[in-house]
Every structure is written in C-alpha cells, then in structure tokens.
Protein backbone atom coordinates (compact mmCIF):
# COMPACT_ATOMS: atom_id res chain seq x y z
CA MET A 1 -33.83 1.82 18.72
CA LYS A 2 -36.48 -1.13 18.22
CA GLN A 3 -35.49 -4.53 19.35
CA LYS A 4 -35.54 -5.93 15.86
CA THR A 5 -33.38 -3.25 14.37
CA LEU A 6 -30.91 -3.85 17.56
CA THR A 7 -30.78 -7.36 16.87
CA PHE A 8 -30.03 -6.87 13.24
CA TRP A 9 -26.75 -4.64 13.89
CA SER A 10 -25.85 -6.73 16.58
CA ALA A 11 -25.67 -9.57 14.23
CA ILE A 12 -24.02 -7.85 11.65
CA HIS A 13 -21.41 -6.81 14.07
CA LYS A 14 -20.75 -9.67 15.34
CA TRP A 15 -20.14 -11.71 12.23
CA THR A 16 -18.41 -9.23 10.38
CA SER A 17 -16.17 -8.83 13.17
CA LEU A 18 -15.64 -12.57 14.30
CA ILE A 19 -14.83 -13.30 10.15
CA CYS A 20 -12.11 -10.50 9.99
CA THR A 21 -10.68 -10.10 13.21
CA ALA A 22 -7.61 -12.44 12.29
CA PHE A 23 -6.73 -11.11 9.33
CA MET A 24 -7.09 -7.58 11.08
CA LEU A 25 -4.92 -8.70 13.82
CA MET A 26 -2.32 -9.88 11.33
CA LEU A 27 -2.39 -6.41 9.09
CA CYS A 28 -2.33 -4.66 12.24
CA LEU A 29 1.01 -6.15 13.21
CA THR A 30 2.58 -6.33 9.90
CA GLY A 31 1.41 -2.78 9.51
CA LEU A 32 3.44 -1.52 12.59
CA PRO A 33 7.23 -2.04 11.36
CA LEU A 34 5.91 -1.07 7.82
CA ILE A 35 4.95 2.59 9.09
CA PHE A 36 8.59 3.07 10.19
CA HIS A 37 10.19 1.36 7.19
CA ASP A 38 12.23 4.05 5.91
CA GLU A 39 13.58 4.44 9.64
CA ILE A 40 14.24 0.60 9.74
CA ASP A 41 15.88 0.65 6.30
CA ALA A 42 18.41 3.59 7.34
CA LEU A 43 18.99 1.77 10.65
CA THR A 44 19.82 -1.43 8.93
CA ASP A 45 22.04 0.61 6.25
CA SER A 46 25.87 0.66 7.63
CA GLY A 47 26.32 3.77 5.49
CA ASP A 48 29.73 3.16 4.52
CA TRP A 49 28.88 3.04 1.00
CA GLN A 50 30.20 5.97 -1.39
CA PRO A 51 29.89 6.20 -4.88
CA ALA A 52 33.57 5.25 -6.69
CA ASN A 53 33.81 8.14 -8.66
CA PRO A 54 32.07 10.86 -6.50
CA ASP A 55 33.23 14.11 -8.66
CA GLY A 56 33.20 11.90 -11.92
CA PRO A 57 30.69 12.22 -14.62
CA LEU A 58 27.18 10.43 -14.47
CA LEU A 59 26.80 7.53 -16.67
CA SER A 60 24.00 7.76 -18.84
CA LEU A 61 20.73 6.02 -17.75
CA ASP A 62 21.17 3.43 -21.39
CA GLN A 63 24.72 2.34 -19.92
CA LEU A 64 22.86 1.44 -16.51
CA LEU A 65 20.52 0.00 -18.03
CA ASP A 66 22.99 -2.07 -20.27
CA ALA A 67 24.86 -2.88 -16.72
CA ALA A 68 21.35 -4.04 -14.98
CA LEU A 69 21.06 -7.01 -17.75
CA ALA A 70 24.47 -7.78 -17.99
CA HIS A 71 24.10 -8.57 -14.12
CA ARG A 72 20.77 -10.37 -14.54
CA PRO A 73 21.22 -12.22 -17.92
CA GLY A 74 18.38 -13.39 -19.50
CA GLU A 75 15.97 -11.11 -17.82
CA VAL A 76 14.02 -7.94 -19.13
CA PRO A 77 13.91 -4.49 -17.61
CA LEU A 78 10.72 -3.57 -15.64
CA PHE A 79 11.33 -0.36 -13.86
CA MET A 80 14.03 2.10 -13.36
CA SER A 81 13.89 4.46 -10.06
CA PHE A 82 16.20 6.93 -9.05
CA ASP A 83 17.49 7.95 -5.13
CA THR A 84 16.82 11.70 -4.37
CA ASP A 85 19.91 11.88 -1.91
CA ARG A 86 23.05 9.93 -3.91
CA PRO A 87 23.76 9.07 -7.41
CA VAL A 88 22.06 5.80 -7.30
CA VAL A 89 19.97 4.04 -9.80
CA ASN A 90 17.51 1.35 -9.01
CA VAL A 91 16.56 -1.41 -11.91
CA THR A 92 14.02 -4.15 -11.30
CA THR A 93 14.20 -6.81 -13.93
CA GLY A 94 12.07 -9.93 -14.41
CA PRO A 95 12.04 -13.11 -16.69
CA THR A 96 9.10 -11.77 -18.52
CA PRO A 97 7.42 -8.15 -18.74
CA ASP A 98 4.32 -9.08 -16.88
CA ALA A 99 6.33 -11.10 -14.40
CA ALA A 100 4.65 -11.53 -10.66
CA ALA A 101 6.24 -9.70 -7.86
CA SER A 102 7.64 -12.88 -6.52
CA ASP A 103 9.76 -13.40 -9.64
CA MET A 104 11.14 -9.50 -9.77
CA HIS A 105 14.85 -8.87 -8.92
CA PHE A 106 15.50 -5.31 -7.54
CA ALA A 107 19.43 -3.89 -7.71
CA SER A 108 20.93 -0.63 -7.13
CA PHE A 109 23.78 0.67 -9.30
CA ASP A 110 26.52 3.39 -8.65
CA ARG A 111 25.55 5.79 -11.41
CA THR A 112 29.29 7.04 -11.34
CA SER A 113 30.87 3.45 -11.95
CA GLY A 114 27.89 1.16 -12.97
CA GLU A 115 28.74 -1.06 -10.12
CA LEU A 116 26.59 -2.71 -7.32
CA VAL A 117 25.31 -0.89 -4.55
CA PRO A 118 25.21 -3.45 -1.88
CA GLY A 119 22.41 -3.54 0.91
CA HIS A 120 19.31 -3.73 -1.16
CA GLU A 121 18.63 -7.76 -1.10
CA GLY A 122 15.53 -8.64 0.25
CA GLY A 123 15.39 -9.33 3.88
CA VAL A 124 12.69 -9.19 6.90
CA MET A 125 10.76 -5.91 5.77
CA ASP A 126 10.39 -7.56 2.11
CA PHE A 127 8.88 -10.53 3.97
CA ILE A 128 6.57 -8.19 5.93
CA LEU A 129 5.55 -6.45 3.05
CA GLN A 130 4.52 -8.95 1.21
CA LEU A 131 2.75 -10.76 4.11
CA HIS A 132 0.96 -7.67 4.62
CA THR A 133 0.00 -6.87 0.84
CA ASP A 134 -0.99 -10.18 -0.42
CA LEU A 135 -0.30 -13.02 1.70
CA PHE A 136 1.96 -14.51 -0.60
CA LEU A 137 -1.03 -15.09 -3.31
CA GLY A 138 -0.74 -12.53 -5.44
CA LEU A 139 -3.83 -10.96 -6.76
CA PRO A 140 -6.33 -13.46 -5.23
CA GLY A 141 -4.33 -12.75 -1.95
CA MET A 142 -4.97 -8.70 -2.04
CA LEU A 143 -8.28 -9.33 -3.23
CA PHE A 144 -9.27 -11.32 -0.02
CA LEU A 145 -7.39 -8.94 2.40
CA GLY A 146 -9.52 -6.45 0.23
CA ALA A 147 -12.80 -8.42 1.30
CA MET A 148 -11.74 -8.34 4.83
CA GLY A 149 -11.36 -4.46 4.83
CA VAL A 150 -14.97 -4.36 3.66
CA LEU A 151 -16.12 -6.36 6.52
CA LEU A 152 -13.99 -4.42 8.68
CA VAL A 153 -15.86 -1.33 7.70
CA LEU A 154 -19.04 -2.73 8.31
CA ALA A 155 -18.06 -3.98 11.82
CA ILE A 156 -17.36 -0.40 12.43
CA VAL A 157 -20.61 1.03 10.92
CA SER A 158 -22.47 -1.20 12.66
CA GLY A 159 -20.49 -0.59 15.96
CA VAL A 160 -21.21 3.02 15.68
CA VAL A 161 -24.86 2.26 15.36
CA LEU A 162 -25.06 0.01 18.12
CA TYR A 163 -22.93 2.61 20.40
CA ALA A 164 -25.64 5.24 21.09
CA PRO A 165 -28.38 2.78 22.69
CA PHE A 166 -25.43 0.87 24.57
CA MET A 167 -24.26 4.37 26.04
CA ARG A 168 -27.87 5.54 26.78
CA LYS A 169 -27.75 5.26 30.14
CA LEU A 170 -24.04 5.59 30.64
CA ASP A 171 -21.44 8.79 30.61
CA PHE A 172 -19.33 8.88 27.76
CA GLY A 173 -16.14 6.69 28.59
CA THR A 174 -17.53 5.02 31.59
CA LEU A 175 -15.43 2.34 32.96
CA ARG A 176 -17.19 0.08 35.20
CA TYR A 177 -14.45 -1.41 37.56
CA ASN A 178 -16.62 -2.79 39.98
CA ARG A 179 -18.63 -4.98 38.12
CA SER A 180 -17.77 -8.22 36.30
CA LYS A 181 -14.36 -8.60 34.46
CA ARG A 182 -16.10 -9.04 30.99
CA LEU A 183 -18.05 -5.96 31.50
CA LYS A 184 -14.98 -4.20 32.40
CA TRP A 185 -13.34 -5.64 29.18
CA LEU A 186 -16.35 -4.39 27.68
CA ASP A 187 -16.09 -0.78 28.42
CA TYR A 188 -12.38 -0.58 27.40
CA HIS A 189 -13.75 -2.00 24.03
CA ASN A 190 -16.25 0.43 23.64
CA LEU A 191 -14.05 3.45 24.65
CA LEU A 192 -10.96 2.60 22.41
CA GLY A 193 -13.14 1.50 19.58
CA ILE A 194 -14.94 4.46 19.45
CA VAL A 195 -11.70 6.62 20.07
CA THR A 196 -10.09 4.94 17.19
CA VAL A 197 -13.10 4.69 14.68
CA ALA A 198 -12.17 7.63 12.13
CA TRP A 199 -8.61 6.74 11.98
CA LEU A 200 -9.76 2.86 11.61
CA THR A 201 -12.12 3.75 9.00
CA VAL A 202 -9.63 5.68 7.10
CA VAL A 203 -7.15 2.93 7.15
CA GLY A 204 -9.68 0.46 6.53
CA LEU A 205 -10.76 2.25 3.32
CA THR A 206 -7.33 2.95 2.02
CA GLY A 207 -6.49 -0.64 2.54
CA VAL A 208 -9.15 -1.91 0.23
CA VAL A 209 -8.17 0.64 -2.50
CA ASN A 210 -4.54 -0.32 -2.29
CA THR A 211 -5.75 -4.11 -2.66
CA LEU A 212 -7.22 -2.87 -6.25
CA ALA A 213 -4.35 -1.67 -7.60
CA THR A 214 -4.18 -4.39 -10.12
CA PRO A 215 -7.42 -3.76 -11.54
CA ILE A 216 -6.73 -0.37 -11.19
CA LEU A 217 -3.89 -0.16 -13.41
CA GLU A 218 -5.42 -2.51 -16.02
CA THR A 219 -8.55 -0.25 -16.35
CA TRP A 220 -6.03 2.76 -16.71
CA GLN A 221 -4.54 0.96 -19.48
CA ASN A 222 -7.73 -0.30 -21.27
CA ARG A 223 -9.31 3.04 -21.25
CA SER A 224 -7.07 5.95 -20.81
CA LEU A 225 -4.56 4.42 -22.90
CA ALA A 226 -6.59 2.49 -25.56
CA ASP A 227 -6.19 5.45 -28.61
CA LEU A 228 -2.17 5.10 -28.18
CA THR A 229 -2.08 1.28 -28.40
CA ALA A 230 -4.74 1.22 -31.22
CA GLY A 231 -2.16 1.18 -34.37
CA TYR A 232 -0.08 -1.47 -32.71
CA GLN A 233 -2.32 -4.81 -33.58
CA GLY A 234 -0.01 -7.59 -34.23
CA ALA A 235 3.12 -6.08 -32.61
CA THR A 236 4.76 -7.68 -29.85
CA VAL A 237 6.60 -5.99 -26.61
CA PRO A 238 10.05 -4.91 -27.88
CA THR A 239 13.16 -6.86 -26.69
CA PRO A 240 15.45 -4.72 -24.89
CA ARG A 241 18.01 -4.62 -28.06
CA GLU A 242 14.89 -3.34 -30.06
CA MET A 243 14.15 -0.39 -27.69
CA ALA A 244 15.34 3.27 -28.29
CA SER A 245 17.28 5.25 -25.97
CA LEU A 246 15.79 5.40 -22.65
CA ASP A 247 17.88 8.70 -21.88
CA ASP A 248 16.28 10.69 -25.25
CA ALA A 249 12.82 9.11 -23.60
CA VAL A 250 13.21 10.71 -20.36
CA ALA A 251 14.33 13.95 -21.93
CA GLN A 252 11.53 14.10 -23.99
CA ALA A 253 9.07 13.63 -20.84
CA ARG A 254 11.17 16.13 -18.84
CA GLU A 255 10.92 19.01 -21.47
CA ALA A 256 6.96 18.12 -21.80
CA ALA A 257 7.04 18.78 -17.85
CA GLU A 258 9.62 21.01 -17.02
CA ASP A 259 8.13 22.19 -13.48
CA MET A 260 7.92 18.15 -12.26
CA THR A 261 10.44 15.82 -11.04
CA LEU A 262 11.39 12.18 -12.47
CA GLN A 263 10.28 9.52 -10.35
CA PHE A 264 10.27 6.49 -12.36
CA VAL A 265 10.26 4.69 -15.74
CA ALA A 266 7.94 1.52 -16.42
CA PHE A 267 9.31 -0.42 -19.54
CA PRO A 268 7.02 -2.02 -22.18
CA GLY A 269 4.91 -4.86 -21.16
CA GLY A 270 4.14 -4.02 -17.49
CA ASP A 271 1.32 -2.66 -15.47
CA TRP A 272 2.46 0.84 -15.36
CA SER A 273 2.62 0.93 -19.27
CA THR A 274 1.75 -0.32 -22.66
CA ASP A 275 3.14 -3.48 -24.46
CA TYR A 276 5.04 -0.66 -26.47
CA HIS A 277 5.83 2.41 -24.87
CA TYR A 278 8.18 3.63 -22.44
CA ALA A 279 5.93 5.25 -19.49
CA VAL A 280 7.98 8.33 -17.79
CA PHE A 281 6.49 9.34 -14.47
CA LEU A 282 6.91 12.42 -12.94
CA HIS A 283 5.25 14.19 -10.01
CA GLY A 284 4.81 17.23 -8.27
CA ASN A 285 6.62 19.08 -5.83
CA THR A 286 4.43 20.22 -3.47
CA PRO A 287 3.28 18.01 -0.21
CA LEU A 288 0.25 16.41 -1.98
CA THR A 289 1.00 16.61 -5.54
CA SER A 290 4.61 14.65 -4.72
CA HIS A 291 2.26 11.57 -4.47
CA ILE A 292 0.41 12.19 -7.93
CA VAL A 293 2.27 11.10 -10.98
CA THR A 294 1.88 12.00 -14.09
CA PRO A 295 3.18 9.93 -17.09
CA ALA A 296 4.66 10.54 -20.41
CA LEU A 297 4.75 7.58 -23.12
CA VAL A 298 7.46 7.53 -25.71
CA ASP A 299 7.34 4.81 -28.29
CA ALA A 300 9.66 2.22 -27.08
CA ARG A 301 10.80 1.11 -30.63
CA THR A 302 10.86 4.33 -32.48
CA GLY A 303 11.85 6.86 -29.69
CA ALA A 304 8.98 9.39 -30.58
CA PHE A 305 7.06 10.81 -28.04
CA ALA A 306 3.70 9.74 -27.83
CA ALA A 307 1.38 11.80 -25.31
CA MET A 308 1.64 13.01 -21.81
CA ARG A 309 -1.74 12.04 -19.62
CA GLU A 310 -2.89 13.30 -16.81
CA MET A 311 -3.89 10.12 -14.23
CA PRO A 312 -7.56 9.85 -14.07
CA TRP A 313 -9.05 9.96 -10.41
CA TYR A 314 -9.00 6.47 -9.87
CA ASN A 315 -5.67 6.33 -10.17
CA LYS A 316 -4.98 9.35 -8.21
CA THR A 317 -7.39 7.79 -5.36
CA LEU A 318 -4.62 4.84 -5.63
CA ALA A 319 -1.53 7.04 -5.53
CA LEU A 320 -2.93 8.92 -2.18
CA SER A 321 -4.13 5.78 -0.48
CA GLY A 322 -0.69 4.38 -0.09
CA PRO A 323 0.87 7.21 1.88
CA LEU A 324 -2.20 7.84 3.84
CA HIS A 325 -2.65 4.22 4.77
CA PHE A 326 0.72 4.11 6.47
CA GLY A 327 0.85 7.89 7.44
CA ASP A 328 3.83 8.18 5.28
CA TYR A 329 3.21 11.98 4.54
CA GLY A 330 3.73 13.82 7.77
CA GLY A 331 6.87 13.05 9.00
CA LEU A 332 7.94 11.15 12.11
CA PRO A 333 5.37 12.77 14.39
CA LEU A 334 2.60 11.53 11.93
CA LYS A 335 4.05 7.95 12.24
CA ILE A 336 3.97 7.57 15.78
CA LEU A 337 0.53 8.75 16.06
CA TRP A 338 -0.60 5.95 13.47
CA ALA A 339 2.00 3.55 15.46
CA LEU A 340 -0.13 4.66 18.76
CA LEU A 341 -3.73 3.80 16.92
CA ASP A 342 -2.36 0.73 15.73
CA VAL A 343 -1.79 -0.61 18.84
CA ILE A 344 -4.86 0.74 20.39
CA THR A 345 -6.62 -1.46 17.35
CA ILE A 346 -4.51 -4.47 18.36
CA VAL A 347 -6.24 -3.90 21.90
CA VAL A 348 -9.48 -3.58 20.42
CA LEU A 349 -9.41 -6.58 18.28
CA ILE A 350 -7.93 -8.66 20.89
CA SER A 351 -10.96 -7.46 23.64
CA GLY A 352 -13.51 -7.99 21.04
CA LEU A 353 -12.23 -11.76 20.70
CA TYR A 354 -11.87 -11.88 24.29
CA LEU A 355 -15.29 -10.87 24.86
CA TRP A 356 -16.97 -13.26 22.36
CA LEU A 357 -15.32 -16.49 23.99
CA ALA A 358 -16.02 -14.96 27.32
CA ARG A 359 -19.47 -14.85 26.48
CA ARG A 360 -19.74 -18.67 25.86
CA SER A 361 -18.94 -19.36 29.63
CA PRO A 362 -21.79 -19.77 32.01
CA VAL A 363 -20.56 -17.03 34.51
CA ALA A 364 -20.83 -14.51 31.64
CA GLY A 365 -24.42 -15.32 30.63
CA ALA A 366 -25.56 -12.85 32.93
CA ALA A 367 -23.47 -9.85 32.10
CA HIS A 368 -24.28 -10.49 28.49
CA ARG A 369 -28.16 -10.10 29.08
CA GLN A 370 -27.32 -6.95 30.43
CA THR A 371 -25.57 -5.67 27.56
CA GLN A 372 -26.89 -6.82 24.19
CA ALA A 373 -24.80 -4.23 21.85
CA SER A 374 -21.35 -3.43 21.74
CA PRO A 375 -19.84 -0.95 19.71
CA THR A 376 -17.07 -0.77 17.08
CA GLY A 377 -13.87 -2.98 16.00
CA GLY A 378 -14.09 -6.16 17.72
CA ALA A 379 -16.40 -9.46 18.00
CA SER A 380 -18.58 -9.00 21.20
C-alpha cells in the first residue's frame, strides 16, 4: 500500500474512532445489562403474584381496555400486548395518540379480574434502555447515535484496511511483551479488534437500523398503507368511546391468519397504525418468523376488516435487527457470548483511547514512528 493511501486510511481510522469512542463506550456499558434484560427482570420479580381467579373465565379485551383507561383517566390507549406464560394483558396509554415514549404509561392487568399486576413500573432497566436508545432526547438522540454507529463502521473498515500492512512483518496475534508499554497495548488492541471485527460490524449496523425506527415506520405508513387512508380525508382519530369492539377486531385478524400467533395491538394514531385503524399484529411460529410481524388492519370506528398487509423489506430488517443487536434469539448461551464480545470491545475502545493519549507523550514518539497504522475499533 502506498504511503499516501496509508496516511489517508490512518486519518479516517483516527478521526472516526476519536469522535465515536465515548459514545460507543456508553453504548457498550449500557448494552451489557440489556443483553440480560429478561433474566434481570426475572430476578427482580418476586414471583408472588397469582391470578385472582385461576380457574375462572378470562375477561374480554374490551373489559380490560376499559379497566386500563379507568386507571389512567384522560389518556388514550396506544398499545396492548399479551404475556405468553400467564393470564396478563399489558396496556400502554398516553395523553395523546402520538405521545412521546417518555410520556407513555405501561401497566399490566390480571385477565381474570381486571386488577393491576404489580412490578411493572419504571426502574433502572428502563433508565438504561432509554439512555442506550436515544440519550433521553427522542428522535434527535436516536439519529445522533445512528450517526455515531456509521462512524464506528467506518472505523472498523479503515482498521481492517490498515491491518494487513501493519501485520506484514509480524505473525498473526503477535504480542511484543519485550517492547514499550504502548507497543504492547497496540498489539492487544490490534488482536482484540480483528477478533471482534465481524461481531462489532453486525452490532454496529443493526444499531444504526434500530435508530431509524421512526423514519422506517413513517415510510411504511405513508407508502404501504396510503390506499387504506385515502378515504378518510377530514376524519379525526377516533376517541376510545368511538372505537368499535377490540375483541371483534382481534377475532377477525386471527381468522385471517389462523397459522399465526397474536403479538400486540396498536391503536389508531400511533406509529404502528394509521389514524383510523386498529393494527392487530401477528407473528409466525418458527425461530425466524417469530420476530417478523404481519398487521391486520380493522376500521376502528366501524369494525370492518380492511386488509392484512405483509411488512415491506425495510420493516422486516428493523424487526430482525433488534434481537440480532442484543443476541436475543439463541437463548442464554448466545447472550453470554454477546456479553463476552461486548466486554472485549470495551477493552478495544479503551485501549484505542489510551494509545492516542500515549502518543502525545515524548516517550511514545519513537514507538509511534515505527508503527504508522492501527487496526479496528479504537483511536490510535
């Protein structure tokens, strides 16, 4: 590789790494507990709760919706989801149909009695999740972190390009213990960086996709569902009192997709529906299709079945990027692997920052002149 080309890629690696390192460290540190969010939630759940009437009939979805709205007077329903292992329905409400995530309220209800189920109020994990997702800044925070993810990918690509000329005279995995401290850390940085390069690229790219959730959903609404909203010009989002039976809407969706499983309902006015429809989301029953949802749309005022629409490729990409980002599709062993790679990445990031700071010292000058390049993952 020519010196001019080497200098160019070195500059790309250095500056993309320096700009994104602090935010990548934050994302790695907050992402570590989020990998095990299910296990942490299970540990913090006392397990004492039991349904009020274990052998009794289940309340209808309309009755549970009424109970949720009575619990939060003045708010409107946004989402309804369903526990798979107990008779519990979860209802998210907000002051308006397009409420920001910070204004939403999540509550769980016993389907045998309509009573509140304790233990689902906001806590440390919710704080960590929002910090990891958008820095408490909403869409601007998500897009900013997405930009940091793009810089990370550029740092990885430039690091891979630099790795070959850097290792030209060294065996793979060489650790020069008998040289300066900086050179030793440079070798650790290079080795750990190249070992995690594939994983970090996947996590970085899926993270970028996740930050684009709002634009992706808006595109889906404006393009894929445009024909379903064409006849509603001038109509307003129906209030809860104006909505047709939720039970009937769900029954129609299940009839249209008998081989699929009910996952959640999005109410009119939110990102996951139109301003005029219930969107009843169902998913497949295989490990892959369980992450891909298909909405059945029902007119929220009349209860008439409108359509069942397969999600476009960009929505499917979004649906698959979430579990892939957190290793949440292969059970606990994969989560442990994800956590180990996360810890290694933290070491790569910190070592890259150390190498850049150490290069500023006079002692490190000679060592730096011997090694003009550094591979993946950090600022060097």
